[in-house]
Amino acid sequence: QVQLVESGGGLVQAGGSLRLSCAASGRTFSRSPMGWFRQAPGKEREFVAAISWSGGNTYYADSVKGRFTISRDNAKNTVYLQMNGLKPDDTAVYYCAARDRTFLSSNYYYTENAYDYWGQGTQVTVFA
């Protein structure tokens, strides 16, 4: 059974940092694009960041560009999201996602439909 398990969320003061991890099990995603999305209370889930299977290409939402960094360790079947300069607006449940296939046009990294597997989410709360 394929599982994506997020960890690293928590409560942090504005300006602080957190590092989220997403560990995959049940199959390897070393050849799969992976991404992070988030959902704030009362809002729809939105794209945060994504990374190609090799790690050579990364994509970010404008709202996190320059503050968040996505990376992956294919040997560990894990993707990370380093979040610096956190703001109260970053408060949300953060979800990890993985695609079943390798190929993905760059235009589609930002879309939920591109991903086949999802984690249960980890809460990030940023207070002023």
Foldseek 3Di string as FASTA:
>chain_A
DKAWAKDFADEEAAQAKIKMKIFIDPDAQLLWKKAKWWDDPPGDIFGAKIAASPRPDIDGDPVQPPFWDWGDDRVRSMIMIIGGRDDQVVWTWMKMFIAPHRDDDPVPRGDPVRTDDMHPTDTHGYHD
